[in-house]
Amino acid sequence: MSSSDQDNKQRNREIAANEAKREMVSNVRVSSWAIVATIVAGVIAFGIVWAWFNR
């Protein structure tokens, strides 16, 4: 293999690692939003039920 092939393979590995890191950060961000949305929906539901029983 030529040096150019080795350089291309190394570059491709670095690109793949960067893309994997970016995807992981994106997944964490989406998961965080999903958790927050679930908590907010739960608090709203709890408030409605609590208000219904205490009227």
PDB file of N, CA and C in Angstrom:
ATOM      1  N   MET A   1       0.835  -1.191   0.000  1.00  0.00           N
ATOM      2  CA  MET A   1       0.000   0.000   0.000  1.00  0.00           C
ATOM      3  C   MET A   1       0.869   1.239   0.000  1.00  0.00           C
ATOM      4  N   SER A   2       0.389   2.211  -0.669  1.00  0.00           N
ATOM      5  CA  SER A   2       1.153   3.445  -0.729  1.00  0.00           C
ATOM      6  C   SER A   2       0.860   4.297   0.494  1.00  0.00           C
ATOM      7  N   SER A   3       1.664   5.274   0.658  1.00  0.00           N
ATOM      8  CA  SER A   3       1.492   6.199   1.778  1.00  0.00           C
ATOM      9  C   SER A   3       0.163   6.944   1.665  1.00  0.00           C
ATOM     10  N   SER A   4      -0.237   7.222   0.438  1.00  0.00           N
ATOM     11  CA  SER A   4      -1.501   7.924   0.213  1.00  0.00           C
ATOM     12  C   SER A   4      -2.686   7.091   0.701  1.00  0.00           C
ATOM     13  N   ASP A   5      -2.633   5.784   0.456  1.00  0.00           N
ATOM     14  CA  ASP A   5      -3.705   4.906   0.920  1.00  0.00           C
ATOM     15  C   ASP A   5      -3.766   4.892   2.449  1.00  0.00           C
ATOM     16  N   GLN A   6      -2.606   4.834   3.066  1.00  0.00           N
ATOM     17  CA  GLN A   6      -2.559   4.845   4.531  1.00  0.00           C
ATOM     18  C   GLN A   6      -3.107   6.165   5.079  1.00  0.00           C
ATOM     19  N   ASP A   7      -2.738   7.266   4.432  1.00  0.00           N
ATOM     20  CA  ASP A   7      -3.231   8.572   4.859  1.00  0.00           C
ATOM     21  C   ASP A   7      -4.751   8.655   4.716  1.00  0.00           C
ATOM     22  N   ASN A   8      -5.271   8.139   3.614  1.00  0.00           N
ATOM     23  CA  ASN A   8      -6.720   8.153   3.399  1.00  0.00           C
ATOM     24  C   ASN A   8      -7.446   7.302   4.435  1.00  0.00           C
ATOM     25  N   LYS A   9      -6.881   6.138   4.746  1.00  0.00           N
ATOM     26  CA  LYS A   9      -7.509   5.281   5.750  1.00  0.00           C
ATOM     27  C   LYS A   9      -7.514   5.962   7.117  1.00  0.00           C
ATOM     28  N   GLN A  10      -6.401   6.587   7.461  1.00  0.00           N
ATOM     29  CA  GLN A  10      -6.323   7.291   8.751  1.00  0.00           C
ATOM     30  C   GLN A  10      -7.320   8.447   8.783  1.00  0.00           C
ATOM     31  N   ARG A  11      -7.411   9.168   7.686  1.00  0.00           N
ATOM     32  CA  ARG A  11      -8.353  10.292   7.607  1.00  0.00           C
ATOM     33  C   ARG A  11      -9.790   9.789   7.736  1.00  0.00           C
ATOM     34  N   ASN A  12     -10.104   8.683   7.072  1.00  0.00           N
ATOM     35  CA  ASN A  12     -11.441   8.108   7.162  1.00  0.00           C
ATOM     36  C   ASN A  12     -11.761   7.657   8.578  1.00  0.00           C
ATOM     37  N   ARG A  13     -10.772   7.107   9.279  1.00  0.00           N
ATOM     38  CA  ARG A  13     -10.986   6.706  10.679  1.00  0.00           C
ATOM     39  C   ARG A  13     -11.293   7.915  11.551  1.00  0.00           C
ATOM     40  N   GLU A  14     -10.567   8.991  11.331  1.00  0.00           N
ATOM     41  CA  GLU A  14     -10.800  10.212  12.111  1.00  0.00           C
ATOM     42  C   GLU A  14     -12.181  10.792  11.818  1.00  0.00           C
ATOM     43  N   ILE A  15     -12.571  10.780  10.549  1.00  0.00           N
ATOM     44  CA  ILE A  15     -13.903  11.278  10.179  1.00  0.00           C
ATOM     45  C   ILE A  15     -14.980  10.418  10.832  1.00  0.00           C
ATOM     46  N   ALA A  16     -14.815   9.101  10.786  1.00  0.00           N
ATOM     47  CA  ALA A  16     -15.795   8.194  11.388  1.00  0.00           C
ATOM     48  C   ALA A  16     -15.890   8.422  12.895  1.00  0.00           C
ATOM     49  N   ALA A  17     -14.761   8.634  13.543  1.00  0.00           N
ATOM     50  CA  ALA A  17     -14.770   8.890  14.981  1.00  0.00           C
ATOM     51  C   ALA A  17     -15.483  10.200  15.293  1.00  0.00           C
ATOM     52  N   ASN A  18     -15.236  11.222  14.497  1.00  0.00           N
ATOM     53  CA  ASN A  18     -15.911  12.508  14.705  1.00  0.00           C
ATOM     54  C   ASN A  18     -17.417  12.382  14.487  1.00  0.00           C
ATOM     55  N   GLU A  19     -17.819  11.641  13.462  1.00  0.00           N
ATOM     56  CA  GLU A  19     -19.243  11.461  13.197  1.00  0.00           C
ATOM     57  C   GLU A  19     -19.906  10.675  14.319  1.00  0.00           C
ATOM     58  N   ALA A  20     -19.232   9.672  14.848  1.00  0.00           N
ATOM     59  CA  ALA A  20     -19.787   8.891  15.955  1.00  0.00           C
ATOM     60  C   ALA A  20     -19.960   9.763  17.192  1.00  0.00           C
ATOM     61  N   LYS A  21     -18.980  10.612  17.450  1.00  0.00           N
ATOM     62  CA  LYS A  21     -19.071  11.509  18.603  1.00  0.00           C
ATOM     63  C   LYS A  21     -20.225  12.485  18.421  1.00  0.00           C
ATOM     64  N   ARG A  22     -20.348  13.051  17.236  1.00  0.00           N
ATOM     65  CA  ARG A  22     -21.424  14.011  16.945  1.00  0.00           C
ATOM     66  C   ARG A  22     -22.792  13.343  17.094  1.00  0.00           C
ATOM     67  N   GLU A  23     -22.909  12.097  16.624  1.00  0.00           N
ATOM     68  CA  GLU A  23     -24.179  11.375  16.729  1.00  0.00           C
ATOM     69  C   GLU A  23     -24.523  11.088  18.186  1.00  0.00           C
ATOM     70  N   MET A  24     -23.507  10.739  18.986  1.00  0.00           N
ATOM     71  CA  MET A  24     -23.752  10.465  20.397  1.00  0.00           C
ATOM     72  C   MET A  24     -24.248  11.725  21.105  1.00  0.00           C
ATOM     73  N   VAL A  25     -23.619  12.857  20.835  1.00  0.00           N
ATOM     74  CA  VAL A  25     -24.029  14.124  21.453  1.00  0.00           C
ATOM     75  C   VAL A  25     -25.460  14.455  21.043  1.00  0.00           C
ATOM     76  N   SER A  26     -25.792  14.218  19.793  1.00  0.00           N
ATOM     77  CA  SER A  26     -27.144  14.480  19.311  1.00  0.00           C
ATOM     78  C   SER A  26     -28.152  13.575  20.010  1.00  0.00           C
ATOM     79  N   ASN A  27     -27.803  12.303  20.185  1.00  0.00           N
ATOM     80  CA  ASN A  27     -28.699  11.367  20.869  1.00  0.00           C
ATOM     81  C   ASN A  27     -28.921  11.767  22.315  1.00  0.00           C
ATOM     82  N   VAL A  28     -27.879  12.212  22.987  1.00  0.00           N
ATOM     83  CA  VAL A  28     -28.011  12.656  24.373  1.00  0.00           C
ATOM     84  C   VAL A  28     -28.919  13.877  24.432  1.00  0.00           C
ATOM     85  N   ARG A  29     -28.756  14.798  23.485  1.00  0.00           N
ATOM     86  CA  ARG A  29     -29.576  16.005  23.458  1.00  0.00           C
ATOM     87  C   ARG A  29     -31.043  15.639  23.251  1.00  0.00           C
ATOM     88  N   VAL A  30     -31.333  14.724  22.336  1.00  0.00           N
ATOM     89  CA  VAL A  30     -32.711  14.300  22.081  1.00  0.00           C
ATOM     90  C   VAL A  30     -33.271  13.581  23.303  1.00  0.00           C
ATOM     91  N   SER A  31     -32.469  12.731  23.931  1.00  0.00           N
ATOM     92  CA  SER A  31     -32.926  12.022  25.116  1.00  0.00           C
ATOM     93  C   SER A  31     -33.238  12.998  26.246  1.00  0.00           C
ATOM     94  N   SER A  32     -32.424  14.016  26.402  1.00  0.00           N
ATOM     95  CA  SER A  32     -32.658  15.008  27.449  1.00  0.00           C
ATOM     96  C   SER A  32     -33.981  15.722  27.215  1.00  0.00           C
ATOM     97  N   TRP A  33     -34.252  16.098  25.971  1.00  0.00           N
ATOM     98  CA  TRP A  33     -35.523  16.755  25.663  1.00  0.00           C
ATOM     99  C   TRP A  33     -36.689  15.820  25.918  1.00  0.00           C
ATOM    100  N   ALA A  34     -36.545  14.549  25.597  1.00  0.00           N
ATOM    101  CA  ALA A  34     -37.618  13.580  25.820  1.00  0.00           C
ATOM    102  C   ALA A  34     -37.889  13.412  27.311  1.00  0.00           C
ATOM    103  N   ILE A  35     -36.837  13.373  28.115  1.00  0.00           N
ATOM    104  CA  ILE A  35     -37.000  13.246  29.562  1.00  0.00           C
ATOM    105  C   ILE A  35     -37.696  14.471  30.121  1.00  0.00           C
ATOM    106  N   VAL A  36     -37.270  15.659  29.699  1.00  0.00           N
ATOM    107  CA  VAL A  36     -37.884  16.900  30.182  1.00  0.00           C
ATOM    108  C   VAL A  36     -39.353  16.961  29.775  1.00  0.00           C
ATOM    109  N   ALA A  37     -39.660  16.599  28.539  1.00  0.00           N
ATOM    110  CA  ALA A  37     -41.049  16.625  28.073  1.00  0.00           C
ATOM    111  C   ALA A  37     -41.909  15.655  28.871  1.00  0.00           C
ATOM    112  N   THR A  38     -41.376  14.495  29.194  1.00  0.00           N
ATOM    113  CA  THR A  38     -42.108  13.508  29.981  1.00  0.00           C
ATOM    114  C   THR A  38     -42.367  14.017  31.393  1.00  0.00           C
ATOM    115  N   ILE A  39     -41.370  14.643  31.991  1.00  0.00           N
ATOM    116  CA  ILE A  39     -41.537  15.194  33.340  1.00  0.00           C
ATOM    117  C   ILE A  39     -42.595  16.293  33.333  1.00  0.00           C
ATOM    118  N   VAL A  40     -42.533  17.177  32.352  1.00  0.00           N
ATOM    119  CA  VAL A  40     -43.517  18.262  32.268  1.00  0.00           C
ATOM    120  C   VAL A  40     -44.925  17.688  32.102  1.00  0.00           C
ATOM    121  N   ALA A  41     -45.083  16.714  31.224  1.00  0.00           N
ATOM    122  CA  ALA A  41     -46.396  16.093  31.019  1.00  0.00           C
ATOM    123  C   ALA A  41     -46.870  15.414  32.301  1.00  0.00           C
ATOM    124  N   GLY A  42     -45.965  14.764  33.023  1.00  0.00           N
ATOM    125  CA  GLY A  42     -46.324  14.120  34.285  1.00  0.00           C
ATOM    126  C   GLY A  42     -46.772  15.123  35.340  1.00  0.00           C
ATOM    127  N   VAL A  43     -46.073  16.241  35.427  1.00  0.00           N
ATOM    128  CA  VAL A  43     -46.443  17.279  36.397  1.00  0.00           C
ATOM    129  C   VAL A  43     -47.810  17.857  36.046  1.00  0.00           C
ATOM    130  N   ILE A  44     -48.066  18.088  34.785  1.00  0.00           N
ATOM    131  CA  ILE A  44     -49.376  18.609  34.361  1.00  0.00           C
ATOM    132  C   ILE A  44     -50.478  17.599  34.695  1.00  0.00           C
ATOM    133  N   ALA A  45     -50.251  16.342  34.376  1.00  0.00           N
ATOM    134  CA  ALA A  45     -51.247  15.309  34.676  1.00  0.00           C
ATOM    135  C   ALA A  45     -51.476  15.205  36.180  1.00  0.00           C
ATOM    136  N   PHE A  46     -50.414  15.241  36.959  1.00  0.00           N
ATOM    137  CA  PHE A  46     -50.539  15.181  38.416  1.00  0.00           C
ATOM    138  C   PHE A  46     -51.335  16.375  38.927  1.00  0.00           C
ATOM    139  N   GLY A  47     -51.050  17.552  38.401  1.00  0.00           N
ATOM    140  CA  GLY A  47     -51.777  18.752  38.815  1.00  0.00           C
ATOM    141  C   GLY A  47     -53.252  18.663  38.509  1.00  0.00           C
ATOM    142  N   ILE A  48     -53.599  18.136  37.332  1.00  0.00           N
ATOM    143  CA  ILE A  48     -55.015  17.990  36.965  1.00  0.00           C
ATOM    144  C   ILE A  48     -55.700  17.004  37.898  1.00  0.00           C
ATOM    145  N   VAL A  49     -55.066  15.868  38.137  1.00  0.00           N
ATOM    146  CA  VAL A  49     -55.656  14.856  39.024  1.00  0.00           C
ATOM    147  C   VAL A  49     -55.778  15.398  40.437  1.00  0.00           C
ATOM    148  N   TRP A  50     -54.768  16.044  40.932  1.00  0.00           N
ATOM    149  CA  TRP A  50     -54.786  16.600  42.288  1.00  0.00           C
ATOM    150  C   TRP A  50     -55.884  17.654  42.427  1.00  0.00           C
ATOM    151  N   ALA A  51     -56.018  18.516  41.424  1.00  0.00           N
ATOM    152  CA  ALA A  51     -57.058  19.534  41.451  1.00  0.00           C
ATOM    153  C   ALA A  51     -58.440  18.897  41.392  1.00  0.00           C
ATOM    154  N   TRP A  52     -58.572  17.815  40.612  1.00  0.00           N
ATOM    155  CA  TRP A  52     -59.861  17.149  40.495  1.00  0.00           C
ATOM    156  C   TRP A  52     -60.295  16.539  41.841  1.00  0.00           C
ATOM    157  N   PHE A  53     -59.357  15.941  42.556  1.00  0.00           N
ATOM    158  CA  PHE A  53     -59.694  15.312  43.832  1.00  0.00           C
ATOM    159  C   PHE A  53     -59.852  16.313  44.971  1.00  0.00           C
ATOM    160  N   ASN A  54     -59.326  17.501  44.820  1.00  0.00           N
ATOM    161  CA  ASN A  54     -59.401  18.491  45.888  1.00  0.00           C
ATOM    162  C   ASN A  54     -60.361  19.651  45.560  1.00  0.00           C
ATOM    163  N   ARG A  55     -61.368  19.388  44.792  1.00  0.00           N
ATOM    164  CA  ARG A  55     -62.308  20.462  44.483  1.00  0.00           C
ATOM    165  C   ARG A  55     -63.458  20.468  45.433  1.00  0.00           C
TER     166      ARG A  55
END
